[in-house]
Amino acid sequence: MDSSHERIRIDPNTCGGEPCIAGTRIMVSVVLDNLAEGLTPEAIAEEYPPLTVEDVRAAVAYAAEHPAR
């Protein structure tokens, strides 16, 4: 597992077991939805202060490797 996946956590007790950015309740799907709406990684990090641009990139990497999620 590369370091980007260290930023993603799946816990059945958090957000119904959906993949989230570690240390937050921000789901990978929320990050992807924001990207799909045209926000840049920098804008997403501004919109969600706990996130960094690296977290956004980790969410994209995770989604690319787990398309069923």
PDB file of N, CA and C in Angstrom:
ATOM      1  N   MET A   1       0.846  -1.181   0.000  1.00  0.00           N
ATOM      2  CA  MET A   1       0.000   0.000   0.000  1.00  0.00           C
ATOM      3  C   MET A   1       0.888   1.239   0.000  1.00  0.00           C
ATOM      4  N   ASP A   2       0.588   2.187  -0.902  1.00  0.00           N
ATOM      5  CA  ASP A   2       1.409   3.386  -0.919  1.00  0.00           C
ATOM      6  C   ASP A   2       0.936   4.373   0.139  1.00  0.00           C
ATOM      7  N   SER A   3       1.696   5.447   0.323  1.00  0.00           N
ATOM      8  CA  SER A   3       1.403   6.367   1.418  1.00  0.00           C
ATOM      9  C   SER A   3       0.067   7.076   1.257  1.00  0.00           C
ATOM     10  N   SER A   4      -0.435   7.219   0.023  1.00  0.00           N
ATOM     11  CA  SER A   4      -1.721   7.891  -0.145  1.00  0.00           C
ATOM     12  C   SER A   4      -2.837   7.106   0.538  1.00  0.00           C
ATOM     13  N   HIS A   5      -2.692   5.795   0.593  1.00  0.00           N
ATOM     14  CA  HIS A   5      -3.739   4.983   1.217  1.00  0.00           C
ATOM     15  C   HIS A   5      -3.695   5.067   2.737  1.00  0.00           C
ATOM     16  N   GLU A   6      -2.618   5.552   3.288  1.00  0.00           N
ATOM     17  CA  GLU A   6      -2.560   5.780   4.728  1.00  0.00           C
ATOM     18  C   GLU A   6      -3.488   6.916   5.125  1.00  0.00           C
ATOM     19  N   ARG A   7      -3.864   7.729   4.167  1.00  0.00           N
ATOM     20  CA  ARG A   7      -4.752   8.868   4.415  1.00  0.00           C
ATOM     21  C   ARG A   7      -6.219   8.480   4.369  1.00  0.00           C
ATOM     22  N   ILE A   8      -6.532   7.245   3.966  1.00  0.00           N
ATOM     23  CA  ILE A   8      -7.909   6.786   3.836  1.00  0.00           C
ATOM     24  C   ILE A   8      -8.189   5.744   4.914  1.00  0.00           C
ATOM     25  N   ARG A   9      -9.328   5.884   5.591  1.00  0.00           N
ATOM     26  CA  ARG A   9      -9.724   4.936   6.631  1.00  0.00           C
ATOM     27  C   ARG A   9     -11.134   4.442   6.359  1.00  0.00           C
ATOM     28  N   ILE A  10     -11.344   3.173   6.657  1.00  0.00           N
ATOM     29  CA  ILE A  10     -12.685   2.593   6.602  1.00  0.00           C
ATOM     30  C   ILE A  10     -12.964   2.004   7.970  1.00  0.00           C
ATOM     31  N   ASP A  11     -13.972   2.558   8.613  1.00  0.00           N
ATOM     32  CA  ASP A  11     -14.356   2.130   9.952  1.00  0.00           C
ATOM     33  C   ASP A  11     -15.868   1.944   9.945  1.00  0.00           C
ATOM     34  N   PRO A  12     -16.349   0.753  10.263  1.00  0.00           N
ATOM     35  CA  PRO A  12     -17.792   0.527  10.237  1.00  0.00           C
ATOM     36  C   PRO A  12     -18.575   1.452  11.175  1.00  0.00           C
ATOM     37  N   ASN A  13     -17.900   2.055  12.139  1.00  0.00           N
ATOM     38  CA  ASN A  13     -18.557   2.954  13.083  1.00  0.00           C
ATOM     39  C   ASN A  13     -18.494   4.421  12.669  1.00  0.00           C
ATOM     40  N   THR A  14     -17.876   4.695  11.536  1.00  0.00           N
ATOM     41  CA  THR A  14     -17.757   6.065  11.046  1.00  0.00           C
ATOM     42  C   THR A  14     -18.346   6.152   9.645  1.00  0.00           C
ATOM     43  N   CYS A  15     -19.314   7.009   9.474  1.00  0.00           N
ATOM     44  CA  CYS A  15     -19.942   7.246   8.157  1.00  0.00           C
ATOM     45  C   CYS A  15     -20.418   5.955   7.506  1.00  0.00           C
ATOM     46  N   GLY A  16     -20.928   5.054   8.315  1.00  0.00           N
ATOM     47  CA  GLY A  16     -21.484   3.817   7.780  1.00  0.00           C
ATOM     48  C   GLY A  16     -20.474   2.923   7.095  1.00  0.00           C
ATOM     49  N   GLY A  17     -19.210   3.083   7.442  1.00  0.00           N
ATOM     50  CA  GLY A  17     -18.175   2.247   6.851  1.00  0.00           C
ATOM     51  C   GLY A  17     -17.681   2.730   5.500  1.00  0.00           C
ATOM     52  N   GLU A  18     -18.126   3.917   5.096  1.00  0.00           N
ATOM     53  CA  GLU A  18     -17.645   4.473   3.831  1.00  0.00           C
ATOM     54  C   GLU A  18     -16.204   4.957   3.997  1.00  0.00           C
ATOM     55  N   PRO A  19     -15.390   4.880   2.943  1.00  0.00           N
ATOM     56  CA  PRO A  19     -14.015   5.374   3.033  1.00  0.00           C
ATOM     57  C   PRO A  19     -13.999   6.874   3.316  1.00  0.00           C
ATOM     58  N   CYS A  20     -13.214   7.265   4.310  1.00  0.00           N
ATOM     59  CA  CYS A  20     -13.088   8.665   4.717  1.00  0.00           C
ATOM     60  C   CYS A  20     -11.620   9.063   4.771  1.00  0.00           C
ATOM     61  N   ILE A  21     -11.396  10.351   4.716  1.00  0.00           N
ATOM     62  CA  ILE A  21     -10.052  10.863   4.931  1.00  0.00           C
ATOM     63  C   ILE A  21      -9.724  10.650   6.412  1.00  0.00           C
ATOM     64  N   ALA A  22      -8.574  10.067   6.673  1.00  0.00           N
ATOM     65  CA  ALA A  22      -8.169   9.748   8.046  1.00  0.00           C
ATOM     66  C   ALA A  22      -8.267  10.969   8.945  1.00  0.00           C
ATOM     67  N   GLY A  23      -8.835  10.757  10.128  1.00  0.00           N
ATOM     68  CA  GLY A  23      -8.950  11.813  11.114  1.00  0.00           C
ATOM     69  C   GLY A  23     -10.123  12.754  10.885  1.00  0.00           C
ATOM     70  N   THR A  24     -10.940  12.447   9.870  1.00  0.00           N
ATOM     71  CA  THR A  24     -12.104  13.287   9.584  1.00  0.00           C
ATOM     72  C   THR A  24     -13.314  12.391   9.337  1.00  0.00           C
ATOM     73  N   ARG A  25     -14.439  13.012   9.122  1.00  0.00           N
ATOM     74  CA  ARG A  25     -15.640  12.306   8.684  1.00  0.00           C
ATOM     75  C   ARG A  25     -15.966  12.720   7.251  1.00  0.00           C
ATOM     76  N   ILE A  26     -14.965  13.190   6.544  1.00  0.00           N
ATOM     77  CA  ILE A  26     -15.143  13.604   5.153  1.00  0.00           C
ATOM     78  C   ILE A  26     -14.916  12.390   4.269  1.00  0.00           C
ATOM     79  N   MET A  27     -15.987  11.979   3.601  1.00  0.00           N
ATOM     80  CA  MET A  27     -15.933  10.772   2.783  1.00  0.00           C
ATOM     81  C   MET A  27     -15.220  11.025   1.457  1.00  0.00           C
ATOM     82  N   VAL A  28     -14.574   9.978   0.979  1.00  0.00           N
ATOM     83  CA  VAL A  28     -13.924  10.029  -0.329  1.00  0.00           C
ATOM     84  C   VAL A  28     -14.939  10.467  -1.384  1.00  0.00           C
ATOM     85  N   SER A  29     -16.159   9.974  -1.279  1.00  0.00           N
ATOM     86  CA  SER A  29     -17.193  10.331  -2.261  1.00  0.00           C
ATOM     87  C   SER A  29     -17.484  11.829  -2.262  1.00  0.00           C
ATOM     88  N   VAL A  30     -17.397  12.494  -1.126  1.00  0.00           N
ATOM     89  CA  VAL A  30     -17.609  13.940  -1.060  1.00  0.00           C
ATOM     90  C   VAL A  30     -16.494  14.660  -1.814  1.00  0.00           C
ATOM     91  N   VAL A  31     -15.279  14.209  -1.628  1.00  0.00           N
ATOM     92  CA  VAL A  31     -14.146  14.801  -2.333  1.00  0.00           C
ATOM     93  C   VAL A  31     -14.336  14.620  -3.842  1.00  0.00           C
ATOM     94  N   LEU A  32     -14.703  13.413  -4.261  1.00  0.00           N
ATOM     95  CA  LEU A  32     -14.890  13.145  -5.688  1.00  0.00           C
ATOM     96  C   LEU A  32     -16.042  13.958  -6.259  1.00  0.00           C
ATOM     97  N   ASP A  33     -17.124  14.106  -5.509  1.00  0.00           N
ATOM     98  CA  ASP A  33     -18.254  14.926  -5.967  1.00  0.00           C
ATOM     99  C   ASP A  33     -17.823  16.367  -6.196  1.00  0.00           C
ATOM    100  N   ASN A  34     -17.003  16.884  -5.298  1.00  0.00           N
ATOM    101  CA  ASN A  34     -16.514  18.252  -5.451  1.00  0.00           C
ATOM    102  C   ASN A  34     -15.624  18.390  -6.678  1.00  0.00           C
ATOM    103  N   LEU A  35     -14.787  17.402  -6.917  1.00  0.00           N
ATOM    104  CA  LEU A  35     -13.956  17.422  -8.128  1.00  0.00           C
ATOM    105  C   LEU A  35     -14.827  17.370  -9.378  1.00  0.00           C
ATOM    106  N   ALA A  36     -15.851  16.530  -9.347  1.00  0.00           N
ATOM    107  CA  ALA A  36     -16.753  16.398 -10.490  1.00  0.00           C
ATOM    108  C   ALA A  36     -17.496  17.705 -10.776  1.00  0.00           C
ATOM    109  N   GLU A  37     -17.710  18.496  -9.743  1.00  0.00           N
ATOM    110  CA  GLU A  37     -18.380  19.781  -9.928  1.00  0.00           C
ATOM    111  C   GLU A  37     -17.425  20.873 -10.390  1.00  0.00           C
ATOM    112  N   GLY A  38     -16.153  20.515 -10.547  1.00  0.00           N
ATOM    113  CA  GLY A  38     -15.190  21.461 -11.102  1.00  0.00           C
ATOM    114  C   GLY A  38     -14.285  22.144 -10.114  1.00  0.00           C
ATOM    115  N   LEU A  39     -14.406  21.812  -8.833  1.00  0.00           N
ATOM    116  CA  LEU A  39     -13.505  22.419  -7.862  1.00  0.00           C
ATOM    117  C   LEU A  39     -12.103  21.846  -8.020  1.00  0.00           C
ATOM    118  N   THR A  40     -11.128  22.657  -7.790  1.00  0.00           N
ATOM    119  CA  THR A  40      -9.740  22.206  -7.824  1.00  0.00           C
ATOM    120  C   THR A  40      -9.400  21.578  -6.466  1.00  0.00           C
ATOM    121  N   PRO A  41      -8.337  20.789  -6.418  1.00  0.00           N
ATOM    122  CA  PRO A  41      -7.912  20.253  -5.110  1.00  0.00           C
ATOM    123  C   PRO A  41      -7.672  21.363  -4.086  1.00  0.00           C
ATOM    124  N   GLU A  42      -7.121  22.473  -4.533  1.00  0.00           N
ATOM    125  CA  GLU A  42      -6.864  23.585  -3.629  1.00  0.00           C
ATOM    126  C   GLU A  42      -8.165  24.182  -3.091  1.00  0.00           C
ATOM    127  N   ALA A  43      -9.174  24.303  -3.965  1.00  0.00           N
ATOM    128  CA  ALA A  43     -10.466  24.843  -3.542  1.00  0.00           C
ATOM    129  C   ALA A  43     -11.160  23.900  -2.560  1.00  0.00           C
ATOM    130  N   ILE A  44     -11.019  22.606  -2.791  1.00  0.00           N
ATOM    131  CA  ILE A  44     -11.621  21.633  -1.873  1.00  0.00           C
ATOM    132  C   ILE A  44     -10.956  21.722  -0.507  1.00  0.00           C
ATOM    133  N   ALA A  45      -9.642  21.838  -0.484  1.00  0.00           N
ATOM    134  CA  ALA A  45      -8.923  21.974   0.783  1.00  0.00           C
ATOM    135  C   ALA A  45      -9.338  23.251   1.509  1.00  0.00           C
ATOM    136  N   GLU A  46      -9.634  24.310   0.769  1.00  0.00           N
ATOM    137  CA  GLU A  46     -10.115  25.545   1.392  1.00  0.00           C
ATOM    138  C   GLU A  46     -11.534  25.376   1.936  1.00  0.00           C
ATOM    139  N   GLU A  47     -12.372  24.671   1.173  1.00  0.00           N
ATOM    140  CA  GLU A  47     -13.770  24.458   1.564  1.00  0.00           C
ATOM    141  C   GLU A  47     -13.894  23.558   2.794  1.00  0.00           C
ATOM    142  N   TYR A  48     -12.981  22.600   2.913  1.00  0.00           N
ATOM    143  CA  TYR A  48     -12.975  21.648   4.023  1.00  0.00           C
ATOM    144  C   TYR A  48     -11.630  21.776   4.748  1.00  0.00           C
ATOM    145  N   PRO A  49     -11.529  22.711   5.693  1.00  0.00           N
ATOM    146  CA  PRO A  49     -10.240  23.005   6.335  1.00  0.00           C
ATOM    147  C   PRO A  49      -9.449  21.822   6.885  1.00  0.00           C
ATOM    148  N   PRO A  50     -10.089  20.721   7.327  1.00  0.00           N
ATOM    149  CA  PRO A  50      -9.237  19.622   7.794  1.00  0.00           C
ATOM    150  C   PRO A  50      -8.444  18.956   6.664  1.00  0.00           C
ATOM    151  N   LEU A  51      -8.854  19.169   5.412  1.00  0.00           N
ATOM    152  CA  LEU A  51      -8.205  18.499   4.281  1.00  0.00           C
ATOM    153  C   LEU A  51      -7.007  19.265   3.765  1.00  0.00           C
ATOM    154  N   THR A  52      -6.093  18.498   3.199  1.00  0.00           N
ATOM    155  CA  THR A  52      -4.958  19.076   2.472  1.00  0.00           C
ATOM    156  C   THR A  52      -5.096  18.656   1.011  1.00  0.00           C
ATOM    157  N   VAL A  53      -4.334  19.283   0.161  1.00  0.00           N
ATOM    158  CA  VAL A  53      -4.326  18.898  -1.253  1.00  0.00           C
ATOM    159  C   VAL A  53      -3.882  17.440  -1.372  1.00  0.00           C
ATOM    160  N   GLU A  54      -2.974  17.006  -0.526  1.00  0.00           N
ATOM    161  CA  GLU A  54      -2.520  15.613  -0.545  1.00  0.00           C
ATOM    162  C   GLU A  54      -3.654  14.656  -0.188  1.00  0.00           C
ATOM    163  N   ASP A  55      -4.544  15.078   0.708  1.00  0.00           N
ATOM    164  CA  ASP A  55      -5.711  14.256   1.044  1.00  0.00           C
ATOM    165  C   ASP A  55      -6.618  14.095  -0.177  1.00  0.00           C
ATOM    166  N   VAL A  56      -6.805  15.172  -0.913  1.00  0.00           N
ATOM    167  CA  VAL A  56      -7.634  15.118  -2.124  1.00  0.00           C
ATOM    168  C   VAL A  56      -7.013  14.149  -3.127  1.00  0.00           C
ATOM    169  N   ARG A  57      -5.722  14.251  -3.308  1.00  0.00           N
ATOM    170  CA  ARG A  57      -5.026  13.336  -4.233  1.00  0.00           C
ATOM    171  C   ARG A  57      -5.135  11.890  -3.762  1.00  0.00           C
ATOM    172  N   ALA A  58      -5.064  11.690  -2.456  1.00  0.00           N
ATOM    173  CA  ALA A  58      -5.199  10.336  -1.912  1.00  0.00           C
ATOM    174  C   ALA A  58      -6.596   9.784  -2.180  1.00  0.00           C
ATOM    175  N   ALA A  59      -7.616  10.635  -2.081  1.00  0.00           N
ATOM    176  CA  ALA A  59      -8.986  10.203  -2.359  1.00  0.00           C
ATOM    177  C   ALA A  59      -9.122   9.773  -3.812  1.00  0.00           C
ATOM    178  N   VAL A  60      -8.523  10.520  -4.711  1.00  0.00           N
ATOM    179  CA  VAL A  60      -8.575  10.173  -6.140  1.00  0.00           C
ATOM    180  C   VAL A  60      -7.840   8.860  -6.381  1.00  0.00           C
ATOM    181  N   ALA A  61      -6.676   8.705  -5.786  1.00  0.00           N
ATOM    182  CA  ALA A  61      -5.909   7.468  -5.956  1.00  0.00           C
ATOM    183  C   ALA A  61      -6.689   6.268  -5.412  1.00  0.00           C
ATOM    184  N   TYR A  62      -7.315   6.464  -4.246  1.00  0.00           N
ATOM    185  CA  TYR A  62      -8.104   5.388  -3.659  1.00  0.00           C
ATOM    186  C   TYR A  62      -9.255   5.004  -4.580  1.00  0.00           C
ATOM    187  N   ALA A  63      -9.965   5.994  -5.078  1.00  0.00           N
ATOM    188  CA  ALA A  63     -11.120   5.738  -5.952  1.00  0.00           C
ATOM    189  C   ALA A  63     -10.702   5.052  -7.242  1.00  0.00           C
ATOM    190  N   ALA A  64      -9.546   5.391  -7.751  1.00  0.00           N
ATOM    191  CA  ALA A  64      -9.065   4.769  -8.984  1.00  0.00           C
ATOM    192  C   ALA A  64      -8.784   3.282  -8.782  1.00  0.00           C
ATOM    193  N   GLU A  65      -8.357   2.928  -7.582  1.00  0.00           N
ATOM    194  CA  GLU A  65      -8.039   1.530  -7.299  1.00  0.00           C
ATOM    195  C   GLU A  65      -9.239   0.751  -6.749  1.00  0.00           C
ATOM    196  N   HIS A  66     -10.305   1.453  -6.369  1.00  0.00           N
ATOM    197  CA  HIS A  66     -11.494   0.817  -5.793  1.00  0.00           C
ATOM    198  C   HIS A  66     -12.738   1.386  -6.463  1.00  0.00           C
ATOM    199  N   PRO A  67     -12.916   1.152  -7.743  1.00  0.00           N
ATOM    200  CA  PRO A  67     -14.031   1.798  -8.472  1.00  0.00           C
ATOM    201  C   PRO A  67     -15.417   1.393  -7.991  1.00  0.00           C
ATOM    202  N   ALA A  68     -15.563   0.268  -7.325  1.00  0.00           N
ATOM    203  CA  ALA A  68     -16.882  -0.167  -6.855  1.00  0.00           C
ATOM    204  C   ALA A  68     -17.360   0.639  -5.673  1.00  0.00           C
ATOM    205  N   ARG A  69     -16.469   1.336  -4.992  1.00  0.00           N
ATOM    206  CA  ARG A  69     -16.822   2.104  -3.790  1.00  0.00           C
ATOM    207  C   ARG A  69     -17.546   3.325  -4.171  1.00  0.00           C
TER     208      ARG A  69
END
